[in-house]
Amino acid sequence: MPRDRRVYRQVAQLHIDCIDQGFLPQLGADFLTLMYECLDEDPGALLLTCERDGDVVGFVTSAGSLGGVYRRMLGRWRRLAPALGPSLVRPRRVLRILEILRYSAAHPADAALPASELLSLAVAPAWRGKGCAEELYQGLVRELTQRGERAFKIVVGAPLAPAHRFYRRMGAEPAAEIEVHRGEASTVYVHHLA
């Protein structure tokens, strides 16, 4: 059941504040709000939140495919166009958008990796070290296990040392090296489910 749009706006702002080394924050809060709303509505995707005192202080998302999410976003073109419009006049951003779409499509080279992917995990700085990230990660493991998944992958950019440490501590193992964006190395981790 879809949540109040305020929740998606808080998730989008957490993404901008906490996952600032990625490309998506450059697309803005309106785009991210719409993306998380559409992701939450997709039956093949998950959006779990950690809430304290009525506010979202952390979130995790996963999906097996983003095709349904993208179709939902296109169906809301009245919101998508103004949210994405400013980025479409910037060639570098258009290139980055195309790289993300290319990565999201199925590739034969990825056949050995799980289809399900942890897409994003963020916790507000004031709530770090208080178990919220672990709670979210374990919640994702439970949900994916209940859905019958056998494993999921996580793509982590090379410079994100704390994220690498966290995913290893949670039981994920390095499985491959890739480039989502040209010239930027990422490690693909796989977490096997019981």
N, C-alpha and C. Protein backbone atom coordinates (compact mmCIF):
# COMPACT_ATOMS: atom_id res chain seq x y z
N MET A 1 0.84 -1.18 0.00
CA MET A 1 0.00 0.00 0.00
C MET A 1 0.89 1.25 0.00
N PRO A 2 0.66 2.15 -0.93
CA PRO A 2 1.49 3.36 -1.00
C PRO A 2 1.42 4.17 0.30
N ARG A 3 2.51 4.81 0.60
CA ARG A 3 2.61 5.61 1.81
C ARG A 3 2.32 7.07 1.49
N ASP A 4 2.26 7.86 2.52
CA ASP A 4 2.10 9.30 2.37
C ASP A 4 3.32 9.85 1.61
N ARG A 5 3.10 10.77 0.71
CA ARG A 5 4.20 11.33 -0.09
C ARG A 5 5.28 11.97 0.78
N ARG A 6 4.92 12.38 1.99
CA ARG A 6 5.90 12.96 2.91
C ARG A 6 7.02 11.96 3.22
N VAL A 7 6.65 10.66 3.31
CA VAL A 7 7.65 9.62 3.57
C VAL A 7 8.63 9.55 2.40
N TYR A 8 8.12 9.58 1.17
CA TYR A 8 9.00 9.52 -0.01
C TYR A 8 9.89 10.76 -0.08
N ARG A 9 9.36 11.90 0.31
CA ARG A 9 10.16 13.14 0.31
C ARG A 9 11.29 13.01 1.35
N GLN A 10 11.00 12.44 2.51
CA GLN A 10 12.04 12.26 3.53
C GLN A 10 13.10 11.26 3.05
N VAL A 11 12.66 10.18 2.40
CA VAL A 11 13.61 9.20 1.85
C VAL A 11 14.49 9.88 0.81
N ALA A 12 13.87 10.67 -0.07
CA ALA A 12 14.64 11.38 -1.11
C ALA A 12 15.67 12.31 -0.48
N GLN A 13 15.28 13.03 0.56
CA GLN A 13 16.22 13.96 1.20
C GLN A 13 17.35 13.21 1.89
N LEU A 14 17.03 12.06 2.51
CA LEU A 14 18.09 11.23 3.10
C LEU A 14 19.06 10.77 2.02
N HIS A 15 18.53 10.38 0.87
CA HIS A 15 19.40 9.96 -0.24
C HIS A 15 20.34 11.10 -0.61
N ILE A 16 19.79 12.29 -0.78
CA ILE A 16 20.61 13.45 -1.16
C ILE A 16 21.67 13.74 -0.10
N ASP A 17 21.27 13.68 1.17
CA ASP A 17 22.19 14.02 2.26
C ASP A 17 23.25 12.94 2.53
N CYS A 18 22.87 11.66 2.32
CA CYS A 18 23.74 10.57 2.77
C CYS A 18 24.43 9.81 1.64
N ILE A 19 23.86 9.84 0.46
CA ILE A 19 24.47 9.13 -0.68
C ILE A 19 24.90 10.19 -1.68
N ASP A 20 25.64 11.15 -1.19
CA ASP A 20 26.00 12.33 -1.97
C ASP A 20 27.12 12.09 -2.98
N GLN A 21 27.80 10.93 -2.89
CA GLN A 21 28.86 10.66 -3.85
C GLN A 21 28.32 10.03 -5.13
N GLY A 22 27.06 9.64 -5.13
CA GLY A 22 26.46 9.03 -6.30
C GLY A 22 25.94 10.09 -7.27
N PHE A 23 25.36 9.62 -8.36
CA PHE A 23 24.85 10.52 -9.39
C PHE A 23 23.41 10.96 -9.14
N LEU A 24 22.58 10.09 -8.60
CA LEU A 24 21.15 10.38 -8.48
C LEU A 24 20.83 11.65 -7.70
N PRO A 25 21.57 12.01 -6.65
CA PRO A 25 21.24 13.26 -5.95
C PRO A 25 21.29 14.49 -6.85
N GLN A 26 22.10 14.44 -7.91
CA GLN A 26 22.17 15.56 -8.84
C GLN A 26 20.85 15.79 -9.58
N LEU A 27 19.99 14.76 -9.60
CA LEU A 27 18.72 14.88 -10.30
C LEU A 27 17.66 15.58 -9.44
N GLY A 28 17.94 15.77 -8.15
CA GLY A 28 17.08 16.57 -7.29
C GLY A 28 16.04 15.80 -6.50
N ALA A 29 15.49 16.49 -5.50
CA ALA A 29 14.53 15.89 -4.57
C ALA A 29 13.23 15.50 -5.26
N ASP A 30 12.75 16.29 -6.21
CA ASP A 30 11.49 15.94 -6.87
C ASP A 30 11.63 14.64 -7.66
N PHE A 31 12.74 14.48 -8.37
CA PHE A 31 12.97 13.25 -9.12
C PHE A 31 13.07 12.06 -8.17
N LEU A 32 13.87 12.20 -7.11
CA LEU A 32 14.05 11.09 -6.18
C LEU A 32 12.76 10.75 -5.44
N THR A 33 11.96 11.74 -5.10
CA THR A 33 10.68 11.49 -4.44
C THR A 33 9.80 10.63 -5.35
N LEU A 34 9.71 11.00 -6.61
CA LEU A 34 8.92 10.23 -7.57
C LEU A 34 9.50 8.83 -7.75
N MET A 35 10.83 8.72 -7.84
CA MET A 35 11.46 7.42 -8.03
C MET A 35 11.15 6.48 -6.85
N TYR A 36 11.28 6.98 -5.62
CA TYR A 36 11.01 6.12 -4.46
C TYR A 36 9.53 5.78 -4.34
N GLU A 37 8.67 6.69 -4.71
CA GLU A 37 7.23 6.39 -4.71
C GLU A 37 6.93 5.26 -5.70
N CYS A 38 7.47 5.36 -6.90
CA CYS A 38 7.24 4.33 -7.92
C CYS A 38 7.90 3.01 -7.53
N LEU A 39 9.05 3.07 -6.91
CA LEU A 39 9.73 1.86 -6.45
C LEU A 39 8.88 1.16 -5.38
N ASP A 40 8.33 1.93 -4.46
CA ASP A 40 7.53 1.35 -3.39
C ASP A 40 6.25 0.68 -3.93
N GLU A 41 5.75 1.17 -5.03
CA GLU A 41 4.53 0.62 -5.62
C GLU A 41 4.80 -0.61 -6.48
N ASP A 42 6.04 -0.85 -6.84
CA ASP A 42 6.37 -1.98 -7.71
C ASP A 42 6.38 -3.27 -6.89
N PRO A 43 5.63 -4.29 -7.32
CA PRO A 43 5.57 -5.53 -6.53
C PRO A 43 6.90 -6.29 -6.46
N GLY A 44 7.82 -6.04 -7.37
CA GLY A 44 9.11 -6.72 -7.35
C GLY A 44 10.19 -5.96 -6.60
N ALA A 45 9.82 -4.83 -6.01
CA ALA A 45 10.79 -3.99 -5.31
C ALA A 45 10.40 -3.87 -3.84
N LEU A 46 11.34 -3.39 -3.05
CA LEU A 46 11.12 -3.17 -1.62
C LEU A 46 11.66 -1.81 -1.20
N LEU A 47 10.92 -1.15 -0.34
CA LEU A 47 11.39 0.06 0.34
C LEU A 47 11.06 -0.14 1.81
N LEU A 48 12.09 -0.31 2.62
CA LEU A 48 11.92 -0.44 4.06
C LEU A 48 12.48 0.81 4.72
N THR A 49 11.77 1.30 5.73
CA THR A 49 12.23 2.51 6.41
C THR A 49 12.46 2.24 7.89
N CYS A 50 13.33 3.02 8.46
CA CYS A 50 13.58 3.05 9.90
C CYS A 50 13.05 4.40 10.35
N GLU A 51 12.03 4.39 11.19
CA GLU A 51 11.40 5.64 11.61
C GLU A 51 11.52 5.81 13.12
N ARG A 52 11.79 7.03 13.50
CA ARG A 52 11.89 7.39 14.91
C ARG A 52 11.09 8.69 15.11
N ASP A 53 10.20 8.69 16.07
CA ASP A 53 9.39 9.87 16.38
C ASP A 53 8.66 10.42 15.15
N GLY A 54 8.19 9.51 14.29
CA GLY A 54 7.41 9.92 13.12
C GLY A 54 8.22 10.38 11.92
N ASP A 55 9.53 10.34 12.01
CA ASP A 55 10.37 10.76 10.89
C ASP A 55 11.19 9.58 10.37
N VAL A 56 11.43 9.57 9.07
CA VAL A 56 12.27 8.56 8.46
C VAL A 56 13.72 8.93 8.74
N VAL A 57 14.44 8.03 9.42
CA VAL A 57 15.85 8.30 9.74
C VAL A 57 16.77 7.35 8.99
N GLY A 58 16.19 6.41 8.24
CA GLY A 58 16.98 5.49 7.45
C GLY A 58 16.07 4.72 6.50
N PHE A 59 16.68 4.19 5.45
CA PHE A 59 15.90 3.40 4.50
C PHE A 59 16.83 2.45 3.75
N VAL A 60 16.21 1.39 3.20
CA VAL A 60 16.91 0.47 2.31
C VAL A 60 15.94 0.12 1.19
N THR A 61 16.47 -0.05 -0.02
CA THR A 61 15.64 -0.44 -1.16
C THR A 61 16.29 -1.60 -1.89
N SER A 62 15.43 -2.38 -2.55
CA SER A 62 15.94 -3.44 -3.42
C SER A 62 14.94 -3.68 -4.53
N ALA A 63 15.42 -4.31 -5.59
CA ALA A 63 14.55 -4.69 -6.71
C ALA A 63 15.26 -5.77 -7.52
N GLY A 64 14.47 -6.57 -8.19
CA GLY A 64 15.01 -7.56 -9.11
C GLY A 64 15.20 -6.96 -10.49
N SER A 65 14.40 -5.96 -10.78
CA SER A 65 14.46 -5.25 -12.06
C SER A 65 13.85 -3.88 -11.85
N LEU A 66 14.38 -2.89 -12.53
CA LEU A 66 13.83 -1.54 -12.40
C LEU A 66 12.90 -1.18 -13.54
N GLY A 67 12.64 -2.13 -14.44
CA GLY A 67 11.77 -1.85 -15.58
C GLY A 67 10.40 -1.35 -15.17
N GLY A 68 9.79 -2.01 -14.19
CA GLY A 68 8.47 -1.59 -13.72
C GLY A 68 8.50 -0.22 -13.07
N VAL A 69 9.57 0.06 -12.35
CA VAL A 69 9.73 1.36 -11.71
C VAL A 69 9.82 2.45 -12.77
N TYR A 70 10.64 2.22 -13.79
CA TYR A 70 10.79 3.21 -14.86
C TYR A 70 9.48 3.42 -15.60
N ARG A 71 8.73 2.33 -15.85
CA ARG A 71 7.44 2.47 -16.53
C ARG A 71 6.46 3.30 -15.70
N ARG A 72 6.45 3.07 -14.40
CA ARG A 72 5.58 3.86 -13.52
C ARG A 72 5.97 5.34 -13.57
N MET A 73 7.27 5.59 -13.57
CA MET A 73 7.73 6.98 -13.62
C MET A 73 7.30 7.64 -14.94
N LEU A 74 7.46 6.92 -16.04
CA LEU A 74 7.05 7.47 -17.34
C LEU A 74 5.55 7.73 -17.37
N GLY A 75 4.78 6.88 -16.69
CA GLY A 75 3.33 7.08 -16.63
C GLY A 75 2.95 8.32 -15.84
N ARG A 76 3.86 8.84 -15.07
CA ARG A 76 3.62 10.07 -14.30
C ARG A 76 4.42 11.21 -14.90
N TRP A 77 4.36 11.30 -16.20
CA TRP A 77 5.19 12.25 -16.94
C TRP A 77 4.94 13.70 -16.51
N ARG A 78 3.75 14.00 -15.98
CA ARG A 78 3.49 15.38 -15.54
C ARG A 78 4.36 15.76 -14.34
N ARG A 79 4.75 14.79 -13.57
CA ARG A 79 5.68 15.04 -12.46
C ARG A 79 7.12 14.80 -12.89
N LEU A 80 7.31 13.80 -13.76
CA LEU A 80 8.66 13.44 -14.20
C LEU A 80 9.30 14.55 -15.03
N ALA A 81 8.54 15.12 -15.97
CA ALA A 81 9.12 16.12 -16.88
C ALA A 81 9.73 17.31 -16.14
N PRO A 82 9.00 17.96 -15.24
CA PRO A 82 9.65 19.09 -14.55
C PRO A 82 10.77 18.66 -13.60
N ALA A 83 10.66 17.44 -13.05
CA ALA A 83 11.71 16.96 -12.14
C ALA A 83 12.99 16.64 -12.88
N LEU A 84 12.87 16.09 -14.08
CA LEU A 84 14.04 15.66 -14.84
C LEU A 84 14.48 16.69 -15.87
N GLY A 85 13.58 17.59 -16.26
CA GLY A 85 13.83 18.57 -17.31
C GLY A 85 15.16 19.30 -17.23
N PRO A 86 15.51 19.90 -16.08
CA PRO A 86 16.78 20.64 -16.02
C PRO A 86 18.01 19.77 -16.31
N SER A 87 17.93 18.49 -16.01
CA SER A 87 19.07 17.61 -16.25
C SER A 87 19.20 17.24 -17.72
N LEU A 88 18.11 17.28 -18.46
CA LEU A 88 18.14 16.86 -19.86
C LEU A 88 18.85 17.86 -20.77
N VAL A 89 19.12 19.05 -20.27
CA VAL A 89 19.86 20.04 -21.06
C VAL A 89 21.35 20.03 -20.72
N ARG A 90 21.75 19.10 -19.86
CA ARG A 90 23.15 18.98 -19.47
C ARG A 90 23.68 17.67 -20.03
N PRO A 91 24.49 17.72 -21.07
CA PRO A 91 24.94 16.49 -21.74
C PRO A 91 25.58 15.46 -20.81
N ARG A 92 26.37 15.91 -19.86
CA ARG A 92 27.03 14.96 -18.94
C ARG A 92 25.98 14.20 -18.11
N ARG A 93 24.96 14.90 -17.67
CA ARG A 93 23.91 14.23 -16.90
C ARG A 93 23.12 13.25 -17.77
N VAL A 94 22.86 13.63 -18.99
CA VAL A 94 22.16 12.72 -19.91
C VAL A 94 22.99 11.46 -20.10
N LEU A 95 24.30 11.61 -20.26
CA LEU A 95 25.19 10.46 -20.40
C LEU A 95 25.11 9.57 -19.16
N ARG A 96 25.13 10.17 -17.98
CA ARG A 96 25.06 9.39 -16.73
C ARG A 96 23.71 8.67 -16.62
N ILE A 97 22.63 9.33 -17.01
CA ILE A 97 21.31 8.69 -17.00
C ILE A 97 21.32 7.47 -17.92
N LEU A 98 21.89 7.63 -19.10
CA LEU A 98 21.98 6.51 -20.05
C LEU A 98 22.83 5.37 -19.49
N GLU A 99 23.90 5.70 -18.78
CA GLU A 99 24.74 4.66 -18.16
C GLU A 99 23.94 3.87 -17.12
N ILE A 100 23.13 4.57 -16.34
CA ILE A 100 22.31 3.88 -15.34
C ILE A 100 21.29 2.98 -16.02
N LEU A 101 20.65 3.48 -17.07
CA LEU A 101 19.67 2.66 -17.80
C LEU A 101 20.34 1.44 -18.42
N ARG A 102 21.55 1.63 -18.95
CA ARG A 102 22.29 0.51 -19.54
C ARG A 102 22.62 -0.53 -18.47
N TYR A 103 23.07 -0.05 -17.31
CA TYR A 103 23.39 -0.98 -16.22
C TYR A 103 22.15 -1.74 -15.77
N SER A 104 21.02 -1.04 -15.69
CA SER A 104 19.78 -1.65 -15.20
C SER A 104 19.24 -2.73 -16.12
N ALA A 105 19.59 -2.67 -17.40
CA ALA A 105 19.15 -3.70 -18.34
C ALA A 105 19.93 -4.99 -18.07
N ALA A 106 19.31 -6.11 -18.37
CA ALA A 106 19.97 -7.42 -18.16
C ALA A 106 21.12 -7.57 -19.14
N HIS A 107 22.26 -8.07 -18.64
CA HIS A 107 23.44 -8.32 -19.47
C HIS A 107 23.85 -9.77 -19.30
N PRO A 108 24.21 -10.45 -20.40
CA PRO A 108 24.67 -11.83 -20.27
C PRO A 108 25.83 -11.99 -19.30
N ALA A 109 26.69 -10.97 -19.19
CA ALA A 109 27.85 -11.06 -18.29
C ALA A 109 27.41 -11.13 -16.83
N ASP A 110 26.19 -10.66 -16.57
CA ASP A 110 25.69 -10.65 -15.20
C ASP A 110 24.97 -11.95 -14.84
N ALA A 111 24.92 -12.92 -15.74
CA ALA A 111 24.13 -14.14 -15.53
C ALA A 111 24.54 -14.89 -14.26
N ALA A 112 25.79 -14.78 -13.86
CA ALA A 112 26.24 -15.49 -12.66
C ALA A 112 25.86 -14.77 -11.37
N LEU A 113 25.40 -13.55 -11.49
CA LEU A 113 25.04 -12.75 -10.31
C LEU A 113 23.53 -12.80 -10.08
N PRO A 114 23.10 -12.65 -8.83
CA PRO A 114 21.66 -12.63 -8.55
C PRO A 114 20.98 -11.45 -9.24
N ALA A 115 19.71 -11.60 -9.58
CA ALA A 115 18.95 -10.51 -10.18
C ALA A 115 18.57 -9.48 -9.12
N SER A 116 18.22 -9.95 -7.92
CA SER A 116 17.84 -9.02 -6.85
C SER A 116 19.04 -8.21 -6.41
N GLU A 117 18.79 -6.93 -6.18
CA GLU A 117 19.89 -6.03 -5.82
C GLU A 117 19.47 -5.08 -4.71
N LEU A 118 20.31 -4.94 -3.72
CA LEU A 118 20.15 -3.87 -2.75
C LEU A 118 20.57 -2.61 -3.49
N LEU A 119 19.65 -1.70 -3.69
CA LEU A 119 19.91 -0.51 -4.49
C LEU A 119 20.50 0.64 -3.68
N SER A 120 19.94 0.85 -2.49
CA SER A 120 20.43 1.95 -1.67
C SER A 120 20.10 1.69 -0.21
N LEU A 121 21.00 2.15 0.65
CA LEU A 121 20.81 2.08 2.10
C LEU A 121 21.41 3.35 2.66
N ALA A 122 20.63 4.07 3.45
CA ALA A 122 21.12 5.32 4.05
C ALA A 122 20.53 5.49 5.44
N VAL A 123 21.33 6.08 6.32
CA VAL A 123 20.89 6.39 7.68
C VAL A 123 21.36 7.81 7.99
N ALA A 124 20.47 8.60 8.54
CA ALA A 124 20.81 9.98 8.92
C ALA A 124 22.00 9.97 9.88
N PRO A 125 22.92 10.91 9.76
CA PRO A 125 24.12 10.93 10.61
C PRO A 125 23.82 10.84 12.10
N ALA A 126 22.78 11.49 12.57
CA ALA A 126 22.46 11.47 14.00
C ALA A 126 22.03 10.09 14.49
N TRP A 127 21.68 9.21 13.57
CA TRP A 127 21.19 7.87 13.94
C TRP A 127 22.18 6.78 13.60
N ARG A 128 23.34 7.13 13.11
CA ARG A 128 24.36 6.11 12.81
C ARG A 128 24.95 5.58 14.10
N GLY A 129 25.30 4.30 14.07
CA GLY A 129 25.86 3.67 15.25
C GLY A 129 24.83 3.28 16.29
N LYS A 130 23.55 3.38 15.94
CA LYS A 130 22.47 3.06 16.87
C LYS A 130 21.64 1.87 16.40
N GLY A 131 22.18 1.11 15.44
CA GLY A 131 21.53 -0.12 15.01
C GLY A 131 20.54 0.01 13.87
N CYS A 132 20.31 1.20 13.39
CA CYS A 132 19.32 1.41 12.33
C CYS A 132 19.74 0.73 11.02
N ALA A 133 21.00 0.87 10.62
CA ALA A 133 21.47 0.25 9.38
C ALA A 133 21.37 -1.26 9.46
N GLU A 134 21.77 -1.82 10.59
CA GLU A 134 21.69 -3.28 10.77
C GLU A 134 20.23 -3.74 10.74
N GLU A 135 19.34 -2.98 11.38
CA GLU A 135 17.91 -3.30 11.40
C GLU A 135 17.36 -3.31 9.97
N LEU A 136 17.72 -2.32 9.18
CA LEU A 136 17.25 -2.24 7.80
C LEU A 136 17.79 -3.41 6.97
N TYR A 137 19.08 -3.67 7.10
CA TYR A 137 19.71 -4.74 6.33
C TYR A 137 19.09 -6.09 6.69
N GLN A 138 18.93 -6.35 7.98
CA GLN A 138 18.33 -7.62 8.41
C GLN A 138 16.87 -7.72 7.98
N GLY A 139 16.16 -6.60 7.97
CA GLY A 139 14.79 -6.58 7.47
C GLY A 139 14.73 -6.94 6.00
N LEU A 140 15.69 -6.42 5.23
CA LEU A 140 15.77 -6.76 3.81
C LEU A 140 16.06 -8.24 3.62
N VAL A 141 16.98 -8.77 4.40
CA VAL A 141 17.30 -10.21 4.33
C VAL A 141 16.04 -11.03 4.62
N ARG A 142 15.29 -10.67 5.65
CA ARG A 142 14.06 -11.41 5.98
C ARG A 142 13.05 -11.34 4.84
N GLU A 143 12.81 -10.14 4.31
CA GLU A 143 11.82 -9.95 3.24
C GLU A 143 12.21 -10.74 1.99
N LEU A 144 13.47 -10.67 1.60
CA LEU A 144 13.90 -11.38 0.39
C LEU A 144 13.85 -12.89 0.61
N THR A 145 14.18 -13.34 1.80
CA THR A 145 14.10 -14.77 2.12
C THR A 145 12.64 -15.23 2.02
N GLN A 146 11.72 -14.44 2.58
CA GLN A 146 10.29 -14.79 2.51
C GLN A 146 9.78 -14.82 1.07
N ARG A 147 10.38 -14.03 0.20
CA ARG A 147 9.99 -14.01 -1.21
C ARG A 147 10.61 -15.16 -2.00
N GLY A 148 11.44 -15.95 -1.33
CA GLY A 148 12.05 -17.10 -1.99
C GLY A 148 13.34 -16.80 -2.73
N GLU A 149 13.91 -15.63 -2.50
CA GLU A 149 15.18 -15.30 -3.14
C GLU A 149 16.30 -16.13 -2.51
N ARG A 150 17.30 -16.46 -3.30
CA ARG A 150 18.43 -17.24 -2.79
C ARG A 150 19.64 -16.36 -2.47
N ALA A 151 19.68 -15.18 -3.09
CA ALA A 151 20.80 -14.27 -2.88
C ALA A 151 20.43 -12.90 -3.44
N PHE A 152 21.19 -11.89 -3.05
CA PHE A 152 21.05 -10.57 -3.66
C PHE A 152 22.43 -9.95 -3.79
N LYS A 153 22.53 -8.99 -4.69
CA LYS A 153 23.81 -8.33 -4.92
C LYS A 153 23.75 -6.89 -4.44
N ILE A 154 24.92 -6.32 -4.26
CA ILE A 154 25.08 -4.93 -3.82
C ILE A 154 26.25 -4.37 -4.62
N VAL A 155 26.05 -3.25 -5.30
CA VAL A 155 27.12 -2.61 -6.05
C VAL A 155 27.60 -1.41 -5.23
N VAL A 156 28.90 -1.40 -4.92
CA VAL A 156 29.47 -0.36 -4.06
C VAL A 156 30.66 0.29 -4.78
N GLY A 157 30.60 1.60 -4.91
CA GLY A 157 31.70 2.35 -5.53
C GLY A 157 32.99 2.20 -4.76
N ALA A 158 34.10 2.17 -5.47
CA ALA A 158 35.42 1.95 -4.86
C ALA A 158 35.74 2.90 -3.71
N PRO A 159 35.42 4.20 -3.79
CA PRO A 159 35.83 5.10 -2.71
C PRO A 159 34.99 5.01 -1.43
N LEU A 160 33.97 4.17 -1.40
CA LEU A 160 33.05 4.14 -0.25
C LEU A 160 33.49 3.11 0.79
N ALA A 161 34.64 3.33 1.40
CA ALA A 161 35.22 2.38 2.35
C ALA A 161 34.28 1.98 3.49
N PRO A 162 33.55 2.93 4.12
CA PRO A 162 32.64 2.50 5.20
C PRO A 162 31.56 1.54 4.70
N ALA A 163 31.05 1.75 3.50
CA ALA A 163 30.02 0.86 2.95
C ALA A 163 30.61 -0.53 2.71
N HIS A 164 31.83 -0.59 2.20
CA HIS A 164 32.48 -1.89 1.97
C HIS A 164 32.60 -2.66 3.30
N ARG A 165 33.04 -1.96 4.34
CA ARG A 165 33.19 -2.61 5.65
C ARG A 165 31.84 -3.08 6.18
N PHE A 166 30.81 -2.25 6.05
CA PHE A 166 29.48 -2.60 6.56
C PHE A 166 28.94 -3.85 5.86
N TYR A 167 28.98 -3.89 4.54
CA TYR A 167 28.40 -5.03 3.82
C TYR A 167 29.17 -6.32 4.10
N ARG A 168 30.48 -6.23 4.25
CA ARG A 168 31.26 -7.42 4.61
C ARG A 168 30.87 -7.89 6.02
N ARG A 169 30.72 -6.96 6.93
CA ARG A 169 30.33 -7.30 8.30
C ARG A 169 28.95 -7.96 8.33
N MET A 170 28.07 -7.56 7.42
CA MET A 170 26.72 -8.11 7.38
C MET A 170 26.66 -9.46 6.66
N GLY A 171 27.79 -9.90 6.09
CA GLY A 171 27.84 -11.23 5.48
C GLY A 171 27.92 -11.26 3.97
N ALA A 172 27.98 -10.11 3.32
CA ALA A 172 28.12 -10.08 1.87
C ALA A 172 29.57 -10.33 1.49
N GLU A 173 29.77 -10.97 0.34
CA GLU A 173 31.12 -11.30 -0.12
C GLU A 173 31.37 -10.70 -1.49
N PRO A 174 32.58 -10.17 -1.73
CA PRO A 174 32.90 -9.62 -3.05
C PRO A 174 32.81 -10.72 -4.12
N ALA A 175 32.18 -10.37 -5.24
CA ALA A 175 31.98 -11.36 -6.30
C ALA A 175 32.48 -10.90 -7.66
N ALA A 176 32.55 -9.59 -7.89
CA ALA A 176 32.95 -9.10 -9.21
C ALA A 176 33.34 -7.63 -9.11
N GLU A 177 34.02 -7.16 -10.13
CA GLU A 177 34.34 -5.74 -10.28
C GLU A 177 33.67 -5.27 -11.58
N ILE A 178 33.02 -4.09 -11.52
CA ILE A 178 32.35 -3.55 -12.71
C ILE A 178 32.53 -2.04 -12.77
N GLU A 179 32.08 -1.46 -13.86
CA GLU A 179 32.00 -0.01 -14.02
C GLU A 179 30.56 0.32 -14.40
N VAL A 180 29.81 0.96 -13.51
CA VAL A 180 28.47 1.44 -13.86
C VAL A 180 28.63 2.72 -14.67
N HIS A 181 29.48 3.61 -14.18
CA HIS A 181 29.82 4.84 -14.89
C HIS A 181 31.25 4.72 -15.38
N ARG A 182 31.48 5.14 -16.59
CA ARG A 182 32.80 5.01 -17.21
C ARG A 182 33.90 5.60 -16.33
N GLY A 183 34.94 4.78 -16.10
CA GLY A 183 36.09 5.21 -15.33
C GLY A 183 35.92 5.15 -13.83
N GLU A 184 34.78 4.63 -13.35
CA GLU A 184 34.54 4.55 -11.91
C GLU A 184 34.32 3.09 -11.52
N ALA A 185 35.28 2.53 -10.82
CA ALA A 185 35.22 1.12 -10.43
C ALA A 185 34.23 0.91 -9.29
N SER A 186 33.57 -0.22 -9.32
CA SER A 186 32.65 -0.64 -8.26
C SER A 186 32.86 -2.11 -7.98
N THR A 187 32.63 -2.51 -6.75
CA THR A 187 32.67 -3.92 -6.36
C THR A 187 31.24 -4.41 -6.25
N VAL A 188 30.99 -5.60 -6.79
CA VAL A 188 29.69 -6.25 -6.64
C VAL A 188 29.83 -7.27 -5.52
N TYR A 189 29.05 -7.10 -4.47
CA TYR A 189 28.99 -8.04 -3.37
C TYR A 189 27.77 -8.93 -3.56
N VAL A 190 27.83 -10.15 -3.05
CA VAL A 190 26.68 -11.06 -3.06
C VAL A 190 26.45 -11.52 -1.63
N HIS A 191 25.18 -11.43 -1.22
CA HIS A 191 24.77 -11.95 0.08
C HIS A 191 23.88 -13.17 -0.19
N HIS A 192 24.34 -14.34 0.23
CA HIS A 192 23.58 -15.58 0.05
C HIS A 192 22.60 -15.72 1.20
N LEU A 193 21.36 -16.08 0.86
CA LEU A 193 20.30 -16.22 1.84
C LEU A 193 20.10 -17.69 2.20
N ALA A 194 19.72 -17.94 3.44
CA ALA A 194 19.53 -19.33 3.91
C ALA A 194 18.30 -19.94 3.26
